[in-house]
Full PDB file with SEQRES, HELIX, SHEET, SSBOND, CRYST1, ORIGX, SCALE, CONECT and MASTER records, all heavy atoms in Angstrom:
SEQRES   1 A   38  PHE ASP CYS ASP PHE ASN GLN MET LEU ASP LEU LYS VAL          
SEQRES   2 A   38  ALA CYS GLY SER LYS HIS LEU GLY GLU PHE ASN ALA SER          
SEQRES   3 A   38  GLU LEU VAL ASN ARG ASP ILE ILE VAL ASN GLN HIS              
HELIX    1 AA1 ASP A    4  MET A    8  1                                   5    
HELIX    2 AA2 LEU A   20  GLU A   22  5                                   3    
HELIX    3 AA3 ALA A   25  VAL A   29  1                                   5    
CRYST1    1.000    1.000    1.000  90.00  90.00  90.00 P 1           1          
ORIGX1      1.000000  0.000000  0.000000        0.00000                         
ORIGX2      0.000000  1.000000  0.000000        0.00000                         
ORIGX3      0.000000  0.000000  1.000000        0.00000                         
SCALE1      1.000000  0.000000  0.000000        0.00000                         
SCALE2      0.000000  1.000000  0.000000        0.00000                         
SCALE3      0.000000  0.000000  1.000000        0.00000                         
ATOM      1  N   PHE A   1      -8.962 -48.827  27.180  1.00  0.00           N  
ATOM      2  CA  PHE A   1      -8.180 -47.867  26.407  1.00  0.00           C  
ATOM      3  C   PHE A   1      -8.275 -48.269  24.958  1.00  0.00           C  
ATOM      4  O   PHE A   1      -8.449 -49.466  24.720  1.00  0.00           O  
ATOM      5  CB  PHE A   1      -6.780 -47.766  26.857  1.00  0.00           C  
ATOM      6  CG  PHE A   1      -6.665 -47.385  28.330  1.00  0.00           C  
ATOM      7  CD1 PHE A   1      -6.634 -48.345  29.385  1.00  0.00           C  
ATOM      8  CD2 PHE A   1      -6.353 -46.098  28.725  1.00  0.00           C  
ATOM      9  CE1 PHE A   1      -6.685 -47.970  30.665  1.00  0.00           C  
ATOM     10  CE2 PHE A   1      -6.211 -45.660  29.978  1.00  0.00           C  
ATOM     11  CZ  PHE A   1      -6.415 -46.630  30.975  1.00  0.00           C  
ATOM     12  N   ASP A   2      -7.972 -47.390  24.077  1.00  0.00           N  
ATOM     13  CA  ASP A   2      -7.922 -47.643  22.603  1.00  0.00           C  
ATOM     14  C   ASP A   2      -6.661 -48.564  22.210  1.00  0.00           C  
ATOM     15  O   ASP A   2      -6.722 -49.424  21.344  1.00  0.00           O  
ATOM     16  CB  ASP A   2      -7.832 -46.384  21.778  1.00  0.00           C  
ATOM     17  CG  ASP A   2      -8.971 -45.397  22.012  1.00  0.00           C  
ATOM     18  OD1 ASP A   2     -10.137 -45.970  21.808  1.00  0.00           O  
ATOM     19  OD2 ASP A   2      -8.748 -44.378  22.396  1.00  0.00           O  
ATOM     20  N   CYS A   3      -5.551 -48.396  22.952  1.00  0.00           N  
ATOM     21  CA  CYS A   3      -4.392 -49.215  22.616  1.00  0.00           C  
ATOM     22  C   CYS A   3      -3.461 -49.085  23.892  1.00  0.00           C  
ATOM     23  O   CYS A   3      -3.750 -48.436  24.815  1.00  0.00           O  
ATOM     24  CB  CYS A   3      -3.692 -48.724  21.487  1.00  0.00           C  
ATOM     25  SG  CYS A   3      -2.791 -47.088  21.770  1.00  0.00           S  
ATOM     26  N   ASP A   4      -2.538 -50.033  23.822  1.00  0.00           N  
ATOM     27  CA  ASP A   4      -1.507 -50.040  25.123  1.00  0.00           C  
ATOM     28  C   ASP A   4      -0.812 -48.800  25.270  1.00  0.00           C  
ATOM     29  O   ASP A   4      -0.539 -48.444  26.348  1.00  0.00           O  
ATOM     30  CB  ASP A   4      -0.497 -51.217  24.505  1.00  0.00           C  
ATOM     31  CG  ASP A   4       0.433 -51.701  25.740  1.00  0.00           C  
ATOM     32  OD1 ASP A   4      -0.245 -51.789  26.975  1.00  0.00           O  
ATOM     33  OD2 ASP A   4       1.525 -51.836  25.589  1.00  0.00           O  
ATOM     34  N   PHE A   5      -0.626 -48.024  24.234  1.00  0.00           N  
ATOM     35  CA  PHE A   5       0.161 -46.780  24.317  1.00  0.00           C  
ATOM     36  C   PHE A   5      -0.739 -45.644  24.908  1.00  0.00           C  
ATOM     37  O   PHE A   5      -0.217 -44.905  25.876  1.00  0.00           O  
ATOM     38  CB  PHE A   5       0.755 -46.331  23.032  1.00  0.00           C  
ATOM     39  CG  PHE A   5       1.549 -47.358  22.386  1.00  0.00           C  
ATOM     40  CD1 PHE A   5       1.181 -47.944  21.156  1.00  0.00           C  
ATOM     41  CD2 PHE A   5       2.793 -47.812  22.973  1.00  0.00           C  
ATOM     42  CE1 PHE A   5       2.029 -48.895  20.579  1.00  0.00           C  
ATOM     43  CE2 PHE A   5       3.576 -48.922  22.396  1.00  0.00           C  
ATOM     44  CZ  PHE A   5       3.194 -49.422  21.216  1.00  0.00           C  
ATOM     45  N   ASN A   6      -2.014 -45.510  24.499  1.00  0.00           N  
ATOM     46  CA  ASN A   6      -2.887 -44.719  25.149  1.00  0.00           C  
ATOM     47  C   ASN A   6      -3.036 -45.148  26.676  1.00  0.00           C  
ATOM     48  O   ASN A   6      -3.330 -44.201  27.481  1.00  0.00           O  
ATOM     49  CB  ASN A   6      -4.296 -44.806  24.433  1.00  0.00           C  
ATOM     50  CG  ASN A   6      -4.226 -43.902  23.153  1.00  0.00           C  
ATOM     51  OD1 ASN A   6      -3.252 -43.291  22.774  1.00  0.00           O  
ATOM     52  ND2 ASN A   6      -5.291 -43.792  22.616  1.00  0.00           N  
ATOM     53  N   GLN A   7      -3.067 -46.315  26.893  1.00  0.00           N  
ATOM     54  CA  GLN A   7      -3.112 -46.796  28.320  1.00  0.00           C  
ATOM     55  C   GLN A   7      -2.045 -46.370  29.163  1.00  0.00           C  
ATOM     56  O   GLN A   7      -2.291 -45.755  30.238  1.00  0.00           O  
ATOM     57  CB  GLN A   7      -3.057 -48.305  28.428  1.00  0.00           C  
ATOM     58  CG  GLN A   7      -3.253 -49.025  29.689  1.00  0.00           C  
ATOM     59  CD  GLN A   7      -3.097 -50.471  29.876  1.00  0.00           C  
ATOM     60  OE1 GLN A   7      -2.620 -50.898  30.920  1.00  0.00           O  
ATOM     61  NE2 GLN A   7      -3.492 -51.132  28.926  1.00  0.00           N  
ATOM     62  N   MET A   8      -0.769 -46.296  28.673  1.00  0.00           N  
ATOM     63  CA  MET A   8       0.279 -45.873  29.412  1.00  0.00           C  
ATOM     64  C   MET A   8       0.349 -44.296  29.562  1.00  0.00           C  
ATOM     65  O   MET A   8       1.046 -43.744  30.391  1.00  0.00           O  
ATOM     66  CB  MET A   8       1.571 -46.284  28.718  1.00  0.00           C  
ATOM     67  CG  MET A   8       1.681 -47.829  28.823  1.00  0.00           C  
ATOM     68  SD  MET A   8       1.315 -48.537  30.345  1.00  0.00           S  
ATOM     69  CE  MET A   8       0.622 -50.248  29.811  1.00  0.00           C  
ATOM     70  N   LEU A   9      -0.471 -43.612  28.658  1.00  0.00           N  
ATOM     71  CA  LEU A   9      -0.702 -42.132  28.869  1.00  0.00           C  
ATOM     72  C   LEU A   9      -1.969 -41.788  29.480  1.00  0.00           C  
ATOM     73  O   LEU A   9      -2.367 -40.631  29.657  1.00  0.00           O  
ATOM     74  CB  LEU A   9      -0.731 -41.528  27.530  1.00  0.00           C  
ATOM     75  CG  LEU A   9       0.703 -41.515  26.715  1.00  0.00           C  
ATOM     76  CD1 LEU A   9       0.584 -41.116  25.327  1.00  0.00           C  
ATOM     77  CD2 LEU A   9       1.778 -40.722  27.493  1.00  0.00           C  
ATOM     78  N   ASP A  10      -2.600 -42.800  30.080  1.00  0.00           N  
ATOM     79  CA  ASP A  10      -3.911 -42.767  30.879  1.00  0.00           C  
ATOM     80  C   ASP A  10      -5.006 -41.940  30.057  1.00  0.00           C  
ATOM     81  O   ASP A  10      -5.738 -41.295  30.474  1.00  0.00           O  
ATOM     82  CB  ASP A  10      -3.618 -42.015  32.197  1.00  0.00           C  
ATOM     83  CG  ASP A  10      -4.878 -42.178  33.191  1.00  0.00           C  
ATOM     84  OD1 ASP A  10      -5.450 -43.246  33.066  1.00  0.00           O  
ATOM     85  OD2 ASP A  10      -5.072 -41.244  33.948  1.00  0.00           O  
ATOM     86  N   LEU A  11      -4.992 -42.251  28.651  1.00  0.00           N  
ATOM     87  CA  LEU A  11      -6.036 -41.694  27.704  1.00  0.00           C  
ATOM     88  C   LEU A  11      -7.091 -42.781  27.604  1.00  0.00           C  
ATOM     89  O   LEU A  11      -7.161 -43.630  26.709  1.00  0.00           O  
ATOM     90  CB  LEU A  11      -5.395 -41.371  26.461  1.00  0.00           C  
ATOM     91  CG  LEU A  11      -4.306 -40.355  26.456  1.00  0.00           C  
ATOM     92  CD1 LEU A  11      -3.615 -40.152  25.138  1.00  0.00           C  
ATOM     93  CD2 LEU A  11      -4.869 -38.914  26.918  1.00  0.00           C  
ATOM     94  N   LYS A  12      -8.128 -42.673  28.516  1.00  0.00           N  
ATOM     95  CA  LYS A  12      -9.263 -43.754  28.501  1.00  0.00           C  
ATOM     96  C   LYS A  12     -10.154 -43.461  27.315  1.00  0.00           C  
ATOM     97  O   LYS A  12     -10.082 -42.392  26.797  1.00  0.00           O  
ATOM     98  CB  LYS A  12      -9.996 -43.727  29.820  1.00  0.00           C  
ATOM     99  CG  LYS A  12      -9.262 -43.881  31.116  1.00  0.00           C  
ATOM    100  CD  LYS A  12     -10.136 -43.845  32.350  1.00  0.00           C  
ATOM    101  CE  LYS A  12      -9.302 -44.161  33.558  1.00  0.00           C  
ATOM    102  NZ  LYS A  12      -8.236 -43.138  33.818  1.00  0.00           N  
ATOM    103  N   VAL A  13     -10.859 -44.525  26.899  1.00  0.00           N  
ATOM    104  CA  VAL A  13     -11.649 -44.453  25.759  1.00  0.00           C  
ATOM    105  C   VAL A  13     -12.687 -43.328  25.839  1.00  0.00           C  
ATOM    106  O   VAL A  13     -13.205 -42.970  26.939  1.00  0.00           O  
ATOM    107  CB  VAL A  13     -12.387 -45.856  25.450  1.00  0.00           C  
ATOM    108  CG1 VAL A  13     -11.498 -46.851  25.032  1.00  0.00           C  
ATOM    109  CG2 VAL A  13     -13.190 -46.276  26.727  1.00  0.00           C  
ATOM    110  N   ALA A  14     -13.042 -42.765  24.643  1.00  0.00           N  
ATOM    111  CA  ALA A  14     -13.915 -41.563  24.583  1.00  0.00           C  
ATOM    112  C   ALA A  14     -15.329 -42.026  24.439  1.00  0.00           C  
ATOM    113  O   ALA A  14     -16.090 -41.802  23.396  1.00  0.00           O  
ATOM    114  CB  ALA A  14     -13.460 -40.708  23.485  1.00  0.00           C  
ATOM    115  N   CYS A  15     -15.865 -42.762  25.522  1.00  0.00           N  
ATOM    116  CA  CYS A  15     -17.242 -43.142  25.437  1.00  0.00           C  
ATOM    117  C   CYS A  15     -17.637 -43.484  26.939  1.00  0.00           C  
ATOM    118  O   CYS A  15     -16.731 -43.502  27.805  1.00  0.00           O  
ATOM    119  CB  CYS A  15     -17.527 -44.374  24.572  1.00  0.00           C  
ATOM    120  SG  CYS A  15     -16.847 -45.851  25.068  1.00  0.00           S  
ATOM    121  N   GLY A  16     -18.906 -43.781  27.201  1.00  0.00           N  
ATOM    122  CA  GLY A  16     -19.307 -43.956  28.581  1.00  0.00           C  
ATOM    123  C   GLY A  16     -18.844 -45.193  29.070  1.00  0.00           C  
ATOM    124  O   GLY A  16     -18.704 -45.419  30.376  1.00  0.00           O  
ATOM    125  N   SER A  17     -18.393 -46.324  28.338  1.00  0.00           N  
ATOM    126  CA  SER A  17     -17.905 -47.460  28.690  1.00  0.00           C  
ATOM    127  C   SER A  17     -16.418 -47.432  28.985  1.00  0.00           C  
ATOM    128  O   SER A  17     -15.672 -48.145  28.242  1.00  0.00           O  
ATOM    129  CB  SER A  17     -18.220 -48.659  27.720  1.00  0.00           C  
ATOM    130  OG  SER A  17     -17.848 -49.854  28.065  1.00  0.00           O  
ATOM    131  N   LYS A  18     -16.080 -46.858  30.024  1.00  0.00           N  
ATOM    132  CA  LYS A  18     -14.564 -46.620  30.432  1.00  0.00           C  
ATOM    133  C   LYS A  18     -14.066 -47.709  31.293  1.00  0.00           C  
ATOM    134  O   LYS A  18     -12.789 -47.715  31.417  1.00  0.00           O  
ATOM    135  CB  LYS A  18     -14.422 -45.216  31.135  1.00  0.00           C  
ATOM    136  CG  LYS A  18     -14.707 -44.049  30.032  1.00  0.00           C  
ATOM    137  CD  LYS A  18     -14.451 -42.718  30.890  1.00  0.00           C  
ATOM    138  CE  LYS A  18     -14.856 -41.689  29.965  1.00  0.00           C  
ATOM    139  NZ  LYS A  18     -14.281 -41.583  28.711  1.00  0.00           N  
ATOM    140  N   HIS A  19     -14.923 -48.565  31.758  1.00  0.00           N  
ATOM    141  CA  HIS A  19     -14.409 -49.635  32.732  1.00  0.00           C  
ATOM    142  C   HIS A  19     -14.990 -50.889  32.384  1.00  0.00           C  
ATOM    143  O   HIS A  19     -16.213 -50.967  31.903  1.00  0.00           O  
ATOM    144  CB  HIS A  19     -14.588 -49.215  34.150  1.00  0.00           C  
ATOM    145  CG  HIS A  19     -13.802 -50.025  35.159  1.00  0.00           C  
ATOM    146  ND1 HIS A  19     -14.350 -51.255  35.578  1.00  0.00           N  
ATOM    147  CD2 HIS A  19     -12.677 -49.978  35.794  1.00  0.00           C  
ATOM    148  CE1 HIS A  19     -13.619 -51.834  36.438  1.00  0.00           C  
ATOM    149  NE2 HIS A  19     -12.619 -51.153  36.591  1.00  0.00           N  
ATOM    150  N   LEU A  20     -14.358 -52.064  32.636  1.00  0.00           N  
ATOM    151  CA  LEU A  20     -14.953 -53.286  32.320  1.00  0.00           C  
ATOM    152  C   LEU A  20     -16.344 -53.468  33.074  1.00  0.00           C  
ATOM    153  O   LEU A  20     -17.125 -54.345  32.702  1.00  0.00           O  
ATOM    154  CB  LEU A  20     -14.068 -54.463  32.728  1.00  0.00           C  
ATOM    155  CG  LEU A  20     -12.900 -54.697  31.865  1.00  0.00           C  
ATOM    156  CD1 LEU A  20     -11.824 -55.680  32.580  1.00  0.00           C  
ATOM    157  CD2 LEU A  20     -13.277 -55.307  30.606  1.00  0.00           C  
ATOM    158  N   GLY A  21     -16.454 -52.840  34.275  1.00  0.00           N  
ATOM    159  CA  GLY A  21     -17.756 -52.955  34.898  1.00  0.00           C  
ATOM    160  C   GLY A  21     -18.930 -52.446  34.266  1.00  0.00           C  
ATOM    161  O   GLY A  21     -20.119 -52.554  34.646  1.00  0.00           O  
ATOM    162  N   GLU A  22     -18.591 -51.596  33.191  1.00  0.00           N  
ATOM    163  CA  GLU A  22     -19.860 -51.005  32.523  1.00  0.00           C  
ATOM    164  C   GLU A  22     -19.460 -51.294  30.972  1.00  0.00           C  
ATOM    165  O   GLU A  22     -19.936 -50.440  30.203  1.00  0.00           O  
ATOM    166  CB  GLU A  22     -19.794 -49.463  32.719  1.00  0.00           C  
ATOM    167  CG  GLU A  22     -18.395 -48.718  32.648  1.00  0.00           C  
ATOM    168  CD  GLU A  22     -18.316 -47.403  33.364  1.00  0.00           C  
ATOM    169  OE1 GLU A  22     -19.261 -47.112  34.176  1.00  0.00           O  
ATOM    170  OE2 GLU A  22     -17.479 -46.614  33.140  1.00  0.00           O  
ATOM    171  N   PHE A  23     -19.017 -52.459  30.753  1.00  0.00           N  
ATOM    172  CA  PHE A  23     -18.664 -52.802  29.402  1.00  0.00           C  
ATOM    173  C   PHE A  23     -19.804 -52.796  28.417  1.00  0.00           C  
ATOM    174  O   PHE A  23     -20.875 -53.519  28.724  1.00  0.00           O  
ATOM    175  CB  PHE A  23     -18.031 -54.200  29.245  1.00  0.00           C  
ATOM    176  CG  PHE A  23     -17.439 -54.575  27.929  1.00  0.00           C  
ATOM    177  CD1 PHE A  23     -15.966 -54.504  27.796  1.00  0.00           C  
ATOM    178  CD2 PHE A  23     -18.154 -55.097  26.918  1.00  0.00           C  
ATOM    179  CE1 PHE A  23     -15.421 -54.774  26.522  1.00  0.00           C  
ATOM    180  CE2 PHE A  23     -17.576 -55.363  25.575  1.00  0.00           C  
ATOM    181  CZ  PHE A  23     -16.199 -55.145  25.477  1.00  0.00           C  
ATOM    182  N   ASN A  24     -19.801 -52.023  27.263  1.00  0.00           N  
ATOM    183  CA  ASN A  24     -20.908 -51.939  26.417  1.00  0.00           C  
ATOM    184  C   ASN A  24     -20.342 -51.917  25.007  1.00  0.00           C  
ATOM    185  O   ASN A  24     -19.712 -51.002  24.498  1.00  0.00           O  
ATOM    186  CB  ASN A  24     -21.689 -50.548  26.539  1.00  0.00           C  
ATOM    187  CG  ASN A  24     -22.920 -50.445  25.668  1.00  0.00           C  
ATOM    188  OD1 ASN A  24     -22.846 -50.588  24.564  1.00  0.00           O  
ATOM    189  ND2 ASN A  24     -24.042 -50.094  26.321  1.00  0.00           N  
ATOM    190  N   ALA A  25     -20.466 -53.169  24.298  1.00  0.00           N  
ATOM    191  CA  ALA A  25     -19.840 -53.301  23.028  1.00  0.00           C  
ATOM    192  C   ALA A  25     -20.290 -52.359  22.052  1.00  0.00           C  
ATOM    193  O   ALA A  25     -19.558 -51.923  21.068  1.00  0.00           O  
ATOM    194  CB  ALA A  25     -20.068 -54.785  22.543  1.00  0.00           C  
ATOM    195  N   SER A  26     -21.635 -51.961  22.008  1.00  0.00           N  
ATOM    196  CA  SER A  26     -22.131 -51.057  21.059  1.00  0.00           C  
ATOM    197  C   SER A  26     -21.533 -49.764  21.291  1.00  0.00           C  
ATOM    198  O   SER A  26     -21.108 -49.104  20.154  1.00  0.00           O  
ATOM    199  CB  SER A  26     -23.619 -50.926  21.163  1.00  0.00           C  
ATOM    200  OG  SER A  26     -24.202 -49.965  20.299  1.00  0.00           O  
ATOM    201  N   GLU A  27     -21.323 -49.223  22.377  1.00  0.00           N  
ATOM    202  CA  GLU A  27     -20.618 -47.946  22.658  1.00  0.00           C  
ATOM    203  C   GLU A  27     -19.274 -47.994  22.077  1.00  0.00           C  
ATOM    204  O   GLU A  27     -18.804 -47.003  21.484  1.00  0.00           O  
ATOM    205  CB  GLU A  27     -20.743 -47.533  24.079  1.00  0.00           C  
ATOM    206  CG  GLU A  27     -21.976 -46.940  24.498  1.00  0.00           C  
ATOM    207  CD  GLU A  27     -21.950 -46.402  25.960  1.00  0.00           C  
ATOM    208  OE1 GLU A  27     -20.811 -46.553  26.531  1.00  0.00           O  
ATOM    209  OE2 GLU A  27     -23.006 -45.798  26.521  1.00  0.00           O  
ATOM    210  N   LEU A  28     -18.515 -49.137  22.449  1.00  0.00           N  
ATOM    211  CA  LEU A  28     -17.104 -49.136  22.167  1.00  0.00           C  
ATOM    212  C   LEU A  28     -16.808 -49.252  20.768  1.00  0.00           C  
ATOM    213  O   LEU A  28     -15.818 -48.656  20.185  1.00  0.00           O  
ATOM    214  CB  LEU A  28     -16.570 -50.268  22.919  1.00  0.00           C  
ATOM    215  CG  LEU A  28     -16.451 -50.194  24.470  1.00  0.00           C  
ATOM    216  CD1 LEU A  28     -16.279 -51.479  25.221  1.00  0.00           C  
ATOM    217  CD2 LEU A  28     -15.267 -49.148  24.794  1.00  0.00           C  
ATOM    218  N   VAL A  29     -17.620 -49.923  19.941  1.00  0.00           N  
ATOM    219  CA  VAL A  29     -17.406 -50.089  18.582  1.00  0.00           C  
ATOM    220  C   VAL A  29     -17.742 -48.816  17.770  1.00  0.00           C  
ATOM    221  O   VAL A  29     -17.308 -48.711  16.574  1.00  0.00           O  
ATOM    222  CB  VAL A  29     -18.151 -51.306  17.912  1.00  0.00           C  
ATOM    223  CG1 VAL A  29     -19.469 -51.084  17.802  1.00  0.00           C  
ATOM    224  CG2 VAL A  29     -17.405 -51.859  16.766  1.00  0.00           C  
ATOM    225  N   ASN A  30     -18.529 -47.945  18.384  1.00  0.00           N  
ATOM    226  CA  ASN A  30     -18.926 -46.745  17.713  1.00  0.00           C  
ATOM    227  C   ASN A  30     -18.199 -45.481  18.297  1.00  0.00           C  
ATOM    228  O   ASN A  30     -18.463 -44.299  17.982  1.00  0.00           O  
ATOM    229  CB  ASN A  30     -20.406 -46.547  17.952  1.00  0.00           C  
ATOM    230  CG  ASN A  30     -21.212 -47.487  17.039  1.00  0.00           C  
ATOM    231  OD1 ASN A  30     -21.135 -47.410  15.723  1.00  0.00           O  
ATOM    232  ND2 ASN A  30     -21.892 -48.362  17.616  1.00  0.00           N  
ATOM    233  N   ARG A  31     -17.249 -45.657  19.152  1.00  0.00           N  
ATOM    234  CA  ARG A  31     -16.455 -44.614  19.766  1.00  0.00           C  
ATOM    235  C   ARG A  31     -15.509 -43.906  18.702  1.00  0.00           C  
ATOM    236  O   ARG A  31     -15.242 -44.487  17.662  1.00  0.00           O  
ATOM    237  CB  ARG A  31     -15.821 -45.005  20.975  1.00  0.00           C  
ATOM    238  CG  ARG A  31     -14.445 -45.732  20.647  1.00  0.00           C  
ATOM    239  CD  ARG A  31     -13.826 -46.573  21.726  1.00  0.00           C  
ATOM    240  NE  ARG A  31     -12.531 -47.060  21.413  1.00  0.00           N  
ATOM    241  CZ  ARG A  31     -12.294 -48.196  20.777  1.00  0.00           C  
ATOM    242  NH1 ARG A  31     -13.345 -48.936  20.387  1.00  0.00           N  
ATOM    243  NH2 ARG A  31     -11.014 -48.540  20.548  1.00  0.00           N  
ATOM    244  N   ASP A  32     -15.190 -42.674  19.042  1.00  0.00           N  
ATOM    245  CA  ASP A  32     -13.999 -42.069  18.428  1.00  0.00           C  
ATOM    246  C   ASP A  32     -12.726 -42.477  19.083  1.00  0.00           C  
ATOM    247  O   ASP A  32     -12.595 -42.367  20.332  1.00  0.00           O  
ATOM    248  CB  ASP A  32     -14.047 -40.499  18.407  1.00  0.00           C  
ATOM    249  CG  ASP A  32     -15.230 -39.999  17.675  1.00  0.00           C  
ATOM    250  OD1 ASP A  32     -15.896 -40.762  16.821  1.00  0.00           O  
ATOM    251  OD2 ASP A  32     -15.613 -38.879  17.737  1.00  0.00           O  
ATOM    252  N   ILE A  33     -11.683 -42.948  18.386  1.00  0.00           N  
ATOM    253  CA  ILE A  33     -10.430 -43.346  18.944  1.00  0.00           C  
ATOM    254  C   ILE A  33      -9.601 -42.091  19.220  1.00  0.00           C  
ATOM    255  O   ILE A  33      -9.516 -41.222  18.323  1.00  0.00           O  
ATOM    256  CB  ILE A  33      -9.746 -44.260  17.947  1.00  0.00           C  
ATOM    257  CG1 ILE A  33     -10.379 -45.659  17.766  1.00  0.00           C  
ATOM    258  CG2 ILE A  33      -8.288 -44.481  18.449  1.00  0.00           C  
ATOM    259  CD1 ILE A  33      -9.927 -46.471  16.794  1.00  0.00           C  
ATOM    260  N   ILE A  34      -9.134 -42.027  20.400  1.00  0.00           N  
ATOM    261  CA  ILE A  34      -8.271 -40.923  20.878  1.00  0.00           C  
ATOM    262  C   ILE A  34      -6.904 -40.941  20.140  1.00  0.00           C  
ATOM    263  O   ILE A  34      -6.031 -42.062  20.315  1.00  0.00           O  
ATOM    264  CB  ILE A  34      -8.127 -40.859  22.416  1.00  0.00           C  
ATOM    265  CG1 ILE A  34      -9.462 -40.611  22.968  1.00  0.00           C  
ATOM    266  CG2 ILE A  34      -7.188 -39.708  22.769  1.00  0.00           C  
ATOM    267  CD1 ILE A  34      -9.489 -40.758  24.493  1.00  0.00           C  
ATOM    268  N   VAL A  35      -6.455 -39.898  19.479  1.00  0.00           N  
ATOM    269  CA  VAL A  35      -5.104 -39.836  18.821  1.00  0.00           C  
ATOM    270  C   VAL A  35      -4.368 -38.606  19.403  1.00  0.00           C  
ATOM    271  O   VAL A  35      -4.928 -37.670  19.988  1.00  0.00           O  
ATOM    272  CB  VAL A  35      -5.198 -39.695  17.390  1.00  0.00           C  
ATOM    273  CG1 VAL A  35      -5.954 -40.911  16.705  1.00  0.00           C  
ATOM    274  CG2 VAL A  35      -5.988 -38.426  16.890  1.00  0.00           C  
ATOM    275  N   ASN A  36      -3.070 -38.746  19.387  1.00  0.00           N  
ATOM    276  CA  ASN A  36      -2.211 -37.686  19.808  1.00  0.00           C  
ATOM    277  C   ASN A  36      -0.883 -37.778  19.082  1.00  0.00           C  
ATOM    278  O   ASN A  36      -0.729 -38.651  18.088  1.00  0.00           O  
ATOM    279  CB  ASN A  36      -1.992 -37.700  21.382  1.00  0.00           C  
ATOM    280  CG  ASN A  36      -1.681 -36.413  21.955  1.00  0.00           C  
ATOM    281  OD1 ASN A  36      -0.700 -35.628  21.577  1.00  0.00           O  
ATOM    282  ND2 ASN A  36      -2.648 -35.994  22.853  1.00  0.00           N  
ATOM    283  N   GLN A  37       0.270 -37.040  19.376  1.00  0.00           N  
ATOM    284  CA  GLN A  37       1.299 -37.027  18.596  1.00  0.00           C  
ATOM    285  C   GLN A  37       2.227 -38.375  18.622  1.00  0.00           C  
ATOM    286  O   GLN A  37       2.920 -38.614  17.678  1.00  0.00           O  
ATOM    287  CB  GLN A  37       2.232 -35.800  19.023  1.00  0.00           C  
ATOM    288  CG  GLN A  37       1.676 -34.494  18.869  1.00  0.00           C  
ATOM    289  CD  GLN A  37       1.224 -34.143  17.521  1.00  0.00           C  
ATOM    290  OE1 GLN A  37       0.118 -34.583  16.973  1.00  0.00           O  
ATOM    291  NE2 GLN A  37       2.034 -33.351  16.749  1.00  0.00           N  
ATOM    292  N   HIS A  38       2.041 -39.052  19.757  1.00  0.00           N  
ATOM    293  CA  HIS A  38       2.742 -40.392  19.703  1.00  0.00           C  
ATOM    294  C   HIS A  38       2.310 -41.399  18.731  1.00  0.00           C  
ATOM    295  O   HIS A  38       2.952 -42.392  18.338  1.00  0.00           O  
ATOM    296  CB  HIS A  38       2.587 -40.967  21.064  1.00  0.00           C  
ATOM    297  CG  HIS A  38       1.254 -41.401  21.437  1.00  0.00           C  
ATOM    298  ND1 HIS A  38       0.174 -40.351  21.681  1.00  0.00           N  
ATOM    299  CD2 HIS A  38       0.506 -42.578  21.591  1.00  0.00           C  
ATOM    300  CE1 HIS A  38      -0.978 -41.085  22.042  1.00  0.00           C  
ATOM    301  NE2 HIS A  38      -0.795 -42.453  21.956  1.00  0.00           N  
TER     302      HIS A  38                                                      
MASTER        0    0    0    3    0    0    0    6  301    1    0    3          
END                                                                             
């Protein structure tokens, strides 16, 4: 997740590397961070 708060809202990262089993640093550093009203 992008942050602890997104984690508690179940807003997983917006890229293919959504789980540690498929960790891809390049994808993660180039992702768009999910934002919402919180």
